[in-house]
Every structure is written in structure tokens, then in C-alpha cells.
PDB file of N, CA and C in Angstrom:
ATOM      1  N   MET A   1     -45.067  48.124-245.454  1.00  0.00           N
ATOM      2  CA  MET A   1     -45.216  47.481-246.742  1.00  0.00           C
ATOM      3  C   MET A   1     -46.488  46.649-246.708  1.00  0.00           C
ATOM      4  N   ASN A   2     -47.313  46.844-247.641  1.00  0.00           N
ATOM      5  CA  ASN A   2     -48.549  46.082-247.703  1.00  0.00           C
ATOM      6  C   ASN A   2     -48.357  44.967-248.721  1.00  0.00           C
ATOM      7  N   MET A   3     -47.745  43.876-248.268  1.00  0.00           N
ATOM      8  CA  MET A   3     -47.409  42.789-249.184  1.00  0.00           C
ATOM      9  C   MET A   3     -48.640  41.984-249.546  1.00  0.00           C
ATOM     10  N   ASN A   4     -48.793  41.775-250.806  1.00  0.00           N
ATOM     11  CA  ASN A   4     -49.874  40.964-251.335  1.00  0.00           C
ATOM     12  C   ASN A   4     -49.713  39.533-250.833  1.00  0.00           C
ATOM     13  N   LYS A   5     -50.811  38.944-250.355  1.00  0.00           N
ATOM     14  CA  LYS A   5     -50.755  37.590-249.811  1.00  0.00           C
ATOM     15  C   LYS A   5     -50.254  36.585-250.849  1.00  0.00           C
ATOM     16  N   GLU A   6     -50.653  36.757-252.095  1.00  0.00           N
ATOM     17  CA  GLU A   6     -50.213  35.849-253.159  1.00  0.00           C
ATOM     18  C   GLU A   6     -48.701  35.962-253.391  1.00  0.00           C
ATOM     19  N   LEU A   7     -48.176  37.174-253.284  1.00  0.00           N
ATOM     20  CA  LEU A   7     -46.730  37.365-253.445  1.00  0.00           C
ATOM     21  C   LEU A   7     -45.991  36.665-252.317  1.00  0.00           C
ATOM     22  N   LEU A   8     -46.468  36.820-251.093  1.00  0.00           N
ATOM     23  CA  LEU A   8     -45.830  36.167-249.954  1.00  0.00           C
ATOM     24  C   LEU A   8     -45.833  34.650-250.127  1.00  0.00           C
ATOM     25  N   GLU A   9     -46.884  34.113-250.707  1.00  0.00           N
ATOM     26  CA  GLU A   9     -46.975  32.668-250.907  1.00  0.00           C
ATOM     27  C   GLU A   9     -45.965  32.144-251.921  1.00  0.00           C
ATOM     28  N   ILE A  10     -45.552  32.964-252.890  1.00  0.00           N
ATOM     29  CA  ILE A  10     -44.609  32.470-253.899  1.00  0.00           C
ATOM     30  C   ILE A  10     -43.160  32.789-253.558  1.00  0.00           C
ATOM     31  N   LEU A  11     -42.934  33.726-252.630  1.00  0.00           N
ATOM     32  CA  LEU A  11     -41.560  34.018-252.222  1.00  0.00           C
ATOM     33  C   LEU A  11     -41.013  32.848-251.410  1.00  0.00           C
ATOM     34  N   ALA A  12     -39.731  32.582-251.571  1.00  0.00           N
ATOM     35  CA  ALA A  12     -39.083  31.493-250.842  1.00  0.00           C
ATOM     36  C   ALA A  12     -37.737  31.959-250.332  1.00  0.00           C
ATOM     37  N   CYS A  13     -37.279  31.327-249.286  1.00  0.00           N
ATOM     38  CA  CYS A  13     -35.962  31.617-248.732  1.00  0.00           C
ATOM     39  C   CYS A  13     -34.905  31.323-249.793  1.00  0.00           C
ATOM     40  N   PRO A  14     -34.011  32.260-250.063  1.00  0.00           N
ATOM     41  CA  PRO A  14     -32.981  32.017-251.076  1.00  0.00           C
ATOM     42  C   PRO A  14     -31.948  30.974-250.642  1.00  0.00           C
ATOM     43  N   ARG A  15     -31.871  30.686-249.349  1.00  0.00           N
ATOM     44  CA  ARG A  15     -30.914  29.696-248.851  1.00  0.00           C
ATOM     45  C   ARG A  15     -31.464  28.280-248.945  1.00  0.00           C
ATOM     46  N   CYS A  16     -32.656  28.042-248.369  1.00  0.00           N
ATOM     47  CA  CYS A  16     -33.193  26.674-248.298  1.00  0.00           C
ATOM     48  C   CYS A  16     -34.415  26.460-249.187  1.00  0.00           C
ATOM     49  N   HIS A  17     -34.917  27.531-249.779  1.00  0.00           N
ATOM     50  CA  HIS A  17     -36.099  27.503-250.645  1.00  0.00           C
ATOM     51  C   HIS A  17     -37.382  27.167-249.884  1.00  0.00           C
ATOM     52  N   GLY A  18     -37.352  27.344-248.563  1.00  0.00           N
ATOM     53  CA  GLY A  18     -38.525  27.100-247.742  1.00  0.00           C
ATOM     54  C   GLY A  18     -39.468  28.292-247.721  1.00  0.00           C
ATOM     55  N   ALA A  19     -40.626  28.085-247.137  1.00  0.00           N
ATOM     56  CA  ALA A  19     -41.648  29.129-247.024  1.00  0.00           C
ATOM     57  C   ALA A  19     -41.209  30.211-246.033  1.00  0.00           C
ATOM     58  N   LEU A  20     -41.667  31.427-246.279  1.00  0.00           N
ATOM     59  CA  LEU A  20     -41.356  32.565-245.423  1.00  0.00           C
ATOM     60  C   LEU A  20     -42.594  32.996-244.665  1.00  0.00           C
ATOM     61  N   GLU A  21     -42.377  33.600-243.507  1.00  0.00           N
ATOM     62  CA  GLU A  21     -43.460  34.126-242.693  1.00  0.00           C
ATOM     63  C   GLU A  21     -43.273  35.627-242.539  1.00  0.00           C
ATOM     64  N   ALA A  22     -44.373  36.355-242.597  1.00  0.00           N
ATOM     65  CA  ALA A  22     -44.340  37.804-242.455  1.00  0.00           C
ATOM     66  C   ALA A  22     -44.123  38.189-240.995  1.00  0.00           C
ATOM     67  N   LEU A  23     -43.296  39.186-240.772  1.00  0.00           N
ATOM     68  CA  LEU A  23     -43.103  39.760-239.442  1.00  0.00           C
ATOM     69  C   LEU A  23     -43.721  41.149-239.435  1.00  0.00           C
ATOM     70  N   GLY A  24     -44.455  41.448-238.415  1.00  0.00           N
ATOM     71  CA  GLY A  24     -45.112  42.753-238.346  1.00  0.00           C
ATOM     72  C   GLY A  24     -46.387  42.754-239.160  1.00  0.00           C
ATOM     73  N   ASP A  25     -47.044  43.875-239.157  1.00  0.00           N
ATOM     74  CA  ASP A  25     -48.278  44.023-239.930  1.00  0.00           C
ATOM     75  C   ASP A  25     -47.940  44.067-241.411  1.00  0.00           C
ATOM     76  N   ASN A  26     -48.521  43.146-242.168  1.00  0.00           N
ATOM     77  CA  ASN A  26     -48.342  43.115-243.622  1.00  0.00           C
ATOM     78  C   ASN A  26     -46.882  42.981-244.044  1.00  0.00           C
ATOM     79  N   ALA A  27     -46.076  42.283-243.280  1.00  0.00           N
ATOM     80  CA  ALA A  27     -44.663  42.044-243.589  1.00  0.00           C
ATOM     81  C   ALA A  27     -43.875  43.343-243.678  1.00  0.00           C
ATOM     82  N   ASP A  28     -44.250  44.341-242.865  1.00  0.00           N
ATOM     83  CA  ASP A  28     -43.559  45.620-242.943  1.00  0.00           C
ATOM     84  C   ASP A  28     -42.213  45.616-242.230  1.00  0.00           C
ATOM     85  N   GLU A  29     -41.934  44.595-241.437  1.00  0.00           N
ATOM     86  CA  GLU A  29     -40.647  44.526-240.742  1.00  0.00           C
ATOM     87  C   GLU A  29     -39.662  43.618-241.459  1.00  0.00           C
ATOM     88  N   GLY A  30     -40.116  42.436-241.816  1.00  0.00           N
ATOM     89  CA  GLY A  30     -39.217  41.496-242.465  1.00  0.00           C
ATOM     90  C   GLY A  30     -39.930  40.207-242.792  1.00  0.00           C
ATOM     91  N   LEU A  31     -39.200  39.308-243.428  1.00  0.00           N
ATOM     92  CA  LEU A  31     -39.704  37.993-243.791  1.00  0.00           C
ATOM     93  C   LEU A  31     -38.819  36.960-243.115  1.00  0.00           C
ATOM     94  N   SER A  32     -39.428  36.118-242.316  1.00  0.00           N
ATOM     95  CA  SER A  32     -38.692  35.145-241.524  1.00  0.00           C
ATOM     96  C   SER A  32     -38.718  33.770-242.179  1.00  0.00           C
ATOM     97  N   CYS A  33     -37.570  33.083-242.147  1.00  0.00           N
ATOM     98  CA  CYS A  33     -37.491  31.695-242.580  1.00  0.00           C
ATOM     99  C   CYS A  33     -37.329  30.847-241.325  1.00  0.00           C
ATOM    100  N   PRO A  34     -38.379  30.127-240.930  1.00  0.00           N
ATOM    101  CA  PRO A  34     -38.283  29.301-239.721  1.00  0.00           C
ATOM    102  C   PRO A  34     -37.234  28.196-239.836  1.00  0.00           C
ATOM    103  N   ALA A  35     -37.039  27.646-241.013  1.00  0.00           N
ATOM    104  CA  ALA A  35     -36.083  26.554-241.190  1.00  0.00           C
ATOM    105  C   ALA A  35     -34.643  27.016-240.992  1.00  0.00           C
ATOM    106  N   CYS A  36     -34.325  28.195-241.483  1.00  0.00           N
ATOM    107  CA  CYS A  36     -32.956  28.727-241.376  1.00  0.00           C
ATOM    108  C   CYS A  36     -32.771  29.612-240.145  1.00  0.00           C
ATOM    109  N   ALA A  37     -33.865  29.985-239.497  1.00  0.00           N
ATOM    110  CA  ALA A  37     -33.843  30.881-238.330  1.00  0.00           C
ATOM    111  C   ALA A  37     -33.176  32.206-238.660  1.00  0.00           C
ATOM    112  N   VAL A  38     -33.585  32.786-239.811  1.00  0.00           N
ATOM    113  CA  VAL A  38     -33.095  34.098-240.217  1.00  0.00           C
ATOM    114  C   VAL A  38     -34.273  34.962-240.637  1.00  0.00           C
ATOM    115  N   VAL A  39     -34.016  36.271-240.680  1.00  0.00           N
ATOM    116  CA  VAL A  39     -35.006  37.236-241.138  1.00  0.00           C
ATOM    117  C   VAL A  39     -34.402  38.029-242.290  1.00  0.00           C
ATOM    118  N   TYR A  40     -35.167  38.144-243.361  1.00  0.00           N
ATOM    119  CA  TYR A  40     -34.783  38.995-244.480  1.00  0.00           C
ATOM    120  C   TYR A  40     -35.482  40.330-244.262  1.00  0.00           C
ATOM    121  N   PRO A  41     -34.720  41.410-244.082  1.00  0.00           N
ATOM    122  CA  PRO A  41     -35.332  42.698-243.746  1.00  0.00           C
ATOM    123  C   PRO A  41     -36.071  43.307-244.932  1.00  0.00           C
ATOM    124  N   VAL A  42     -36.996  44.201-244.605  1.00  0.00           N
ATOM    125  CA  VAL A  42     -37.685  44.995-245.616  1.00  0.00           C
ATOM    126  C   VAL A  42     -37.164  46.414-245.468  1.00  0.00           C
ATOM    127  N   ARG A  43     -36.616  46.957-246.546  1.00  0.00           N
ATOM    128  CA  ARG A  43     -36.079  48.321-246.537  1.00  0.00           C
ATOM    129  C   ARG A  43     -36.750  49.118-247.653  1.00  0.00           C
ATOM    130  N   ASP A  44     -37.281  50.260-247.300  1.00  0.00           N
ATOM    131  CA  ASP A  44     -37.981  51.107-248.270  1.00  0.00           C
ATOM    132  C   ASP A  44     -39.045  50.318-249.011  1.00  0.00           C
ATOM    133  N   ASP A  45     -39.785  49.507-248.281  1.00  0.00           N
ATOM    134  CA  ASP A  45     -40.878  48.679-248.805  1.00  0.00           C
ATOM    135  C   ASP A  45     -40.427  47.594-249.774  1.00  0.00           C
ATOM    136  N   ILE A  46     -39.152  47.260-249.772  1.00  0.00           N
ATOM    137  CA  ILE A  46     -38.618  46.224-250.664  1.00  0.00           C
ATOM    138  C   ILE A  46     -37.965  45.140-249.822  1.00  0.00           C
ATOM    139  N   PRO A  47     -38.428  43.885-249.926  1.00  0.00           N
ATOM    140  CA  PRO A  47     -37.760  42.813-249.186  1.00  0.00           C
ATOM    141  C   PRO A  47     -36.370  42.554-249.757  1.00  0.00           C
ATOM    142  N   VAL A  48     -35.387  42.524-248.881  1.00  0.00           N
ATOM    143  CA  VAL A  48     -33.996  42.288-249.291  1.00  0.00           C
ATOM    144  C   VAL A  48     -33.755  40.781-249.184  1.00  0.00           C
ATOM    145  N   MET A  49     -33.868  40.100-250.302  1.00  0.00           N
ATOM    146  CA  MET A  49     -33.822  38.641-250.337  1.00  0.00           C
ATOM    147  C   MET A  49     -32.426  38.136-250.720  1.00  0.00           C
ATOM    148  N   LEU A  50     -31.419  38.630-250.031  1.00  0.00           N
ATOM    149  CA  LEU A  50     -30.039  38.211-250.244  1.00  0.00           C
ATOM    150  C   LEU A  50     -29.555  37.463-249.012  1.00  0.00           C
ATOM    151  N   VAL A  51     -28.950  36.307-249.215  1.00  0.00           N
ATOM    152  CA  VAL A  51     -28.479  35.491-248.093  1.00  0.00           C
ATOM    153  C   VAL A  51     -27.532  36.285-247.203  1.00  0.00           C
ATOM    154  N   GLU A  52     -26.657  37.068-247.793  1.00  0.00           N
ATOM    155  CA  GLU A  52     -25.682  37.825-246.997  1.00  0.00           C
ATOM    156  C   GLU A  52     -26.315  38.981-246.218  1.00  0.00           C
ATOM    157  N   GLU A  53     -27.553  39.341-246.517  1.00  0.00           N
ATOM    158  CA  GLU A  53     -28.256  40.396-245.786  1.00  0.00           C
ATOM    159  C   GLU A  53     -29.191  39.844-244.716  1.00  0.00           C
ATOM    160  N   ALA A  54     -29.333  38.532-244.643  1.00  0.00           N
ATOM    161  CA  ALA A  54     -30.210  37.912-243.654  1.00  0.00           C
ATOM    162  C   ALA A  54     -29.658  38.128-242.249  1.00  0.00           C
ATOM    163  N   VAL A  55     -30.563  38.378-241.326  1.00  0.00           N
ATOM    164  CA  VAL A  55     -30.199  38.602-239.930  1.00  0.00           C
ATOM    165  C   VAL A  55     -30.643  37.367-239.136  1.00  0.00           C
ATOM    166  N   PRO A  56     -29.743  36.783-238.333  1.00  0.00           N
ATOM    167  CA  PRO A  56     -30.177  35.653-237.498  1.00  0.00           C
ATOM    168  C   PRO A  56     -31.382  36.048-236.648  1.00  0.00           C
ATOM    169  N   LEU A  57     -32.326  35.144-236.530  1.00  0.00           N
ATOM    170  CA  LEU A  57     -33.567  35.429-235.811  1.00  0.00           C
ATOM    171  C   LEU A  57     -33.294  35.885-234.378  1.00  0.00           C
ATOM    172  N   ALA A  58     -32.342  35.275-233.710  1.00  0.00           N
ATOM    173  CA  ALA A  58     -32.020  35.666-232.327  1.00  0.00           C
ATOM    174  C   ALA A  58     -31.544  37.121-232.275  1.00  0.00           C
ATOM    175  N   ASP A  59     -30.728  37.536-233.244  1.00  0.00           N
ATOM    176  CA  ASP A  59     -30.266  38.928-233.299  1.00  0.00           C
ATOM    177  C   ASP A  59     -31.432  39.863-233.592  1.00  0.00           C
ATOM    178  N   TRP A  60     -32.310  39.458-234.508  1.00  0.00           N
ATOM    179  CA  TRP A  60     -33.477  40.265-234.873  1.00  0.00           C
ATOM    180  C   TRP A  60     -34.350  40.508-233.645  1.00  0.00           C
ATOM    181  N   GLN A  61     -34.560  39.477-232.847  1.00  0.00           N
ATOM    182  CA  GLN A  61     -35.394  39.597-231.657  1.00  0.00           C
ATOM    183  C   GLN A  61     -34.753  40.494-230.601  1.00  0.00           C
ATOM    184  N   ARG A  62     -33.438  40.643-230.646  1.00  0.00           N
ATOM    185  CA  ARG A  62     -32.734  41.557-229.727  1.00  0.00           C
ATOM    186  C   ARG A  62     -32.695  42.978-230.271  1.00  0.00           C
ATOM    187  N   GLY A  63     -33.244  43.203-231.474  1.00  0.00           N
ATOM    188  CA  GLY A  63     -33.315  44.553-232.025  1.00  0.00           C
ATOM    189  C   GLY A  63     -32.318  44.850-233.120  1.00  0.00           C
ATOM    190  N   GLN A  64     -31.438  43.920-233.424  1.00  0.00           N
ATOM    191  CA  GLN A  64     -30.472  44.133-234.507  1.00  0.00           C
ATOM    192  C   GLN A  64     -31.186  43.926-235.825  1.00  0.00           C
ATOM    193  N   ARG A  65     -31.183  44.928-236.690  1.00  0.00           N
ATOM    194  CA  ARG A  65     -31.934  44.857-237.941  1.00  0.00           C
ATOM    195  C   ARG A  65     -31.042  44.789-239.178  1.00  0.00           C
ATOM    196  N   GLN A  66     -29.736  44.650-238.981  1.00  0.00           N
ATOM    197  CA  GLN A  66     -28.815  44.525-240.119  1.00  0.00           C
ATOM    198  C   GLN A  66     -27.880  43.352-239.864  1.00  0.00           C
ATOM    199  N   ALA A  67     -27.492  42.699-240.946  1.00  0.00           N
ATOM    200  CA  ALA A  67     -26.572  41.574-240.848  1.00  0.00           C
ATOM    201  C   ALA A  67     -25.217  42.054-240.363  1.00  0.00           C
ATOM    202  N   ALA A  68     -24.564  41.243-239.557  1.00  0.00           N
ATOM    203  CA  ALA A  68     -23.207  41.564-239.098  1.00  0.00           C
ATOM    204  C   ALA A  68     -22.269  41.478-240.286  1.00  0.00           C
ATOM    205  N   ARG A  69     -21.394  42.374-240.375  1.00  0.00           N
ATOM    206  CA  ARG A  69     -20.435  42.416-241.493  1.00  0.00           C
ATOM    207  C   ARG A  69     -19.102  41.890-241.062  1.00  0.00           C
TER     208      ARG A  69
END
């Protein structure tokens, strides 16, 4: 996903409303919220900005790319 820098600047974490950081080249992997320590995955070039779809950062770093159900 080639996310526009301006778009990334206006997106916010749906949980805490904090700033997000891109993971991977051009946010092609996910969007991380450092304050909440979660990653919002990008699927089919669309960021999934739902709290229930967020993956804990520790799980993401271990390779888990989907939220536990």
C-alpha cells in the first residue's frame, strides 16, 4: 500500500486518538499505535481501523497478523 503521507498524518488510533506509525515500506504491513501498543493491519491495501481487529504489538512482532478471537 502506498499510503499518502498526508493521509497518514490525519489518521488516528480509534481507541486513544493518538498518532499512528507506518510499519513496513509505505505502511504496507500495518499502522502501529505506540500509546496503545497495538497494530491495525492493512488488508487488500485498506487499513482496518477497528479496535476489535487490532493486534497487540507483541503478537505482531511474533508473526501473528490477526486479532485473537
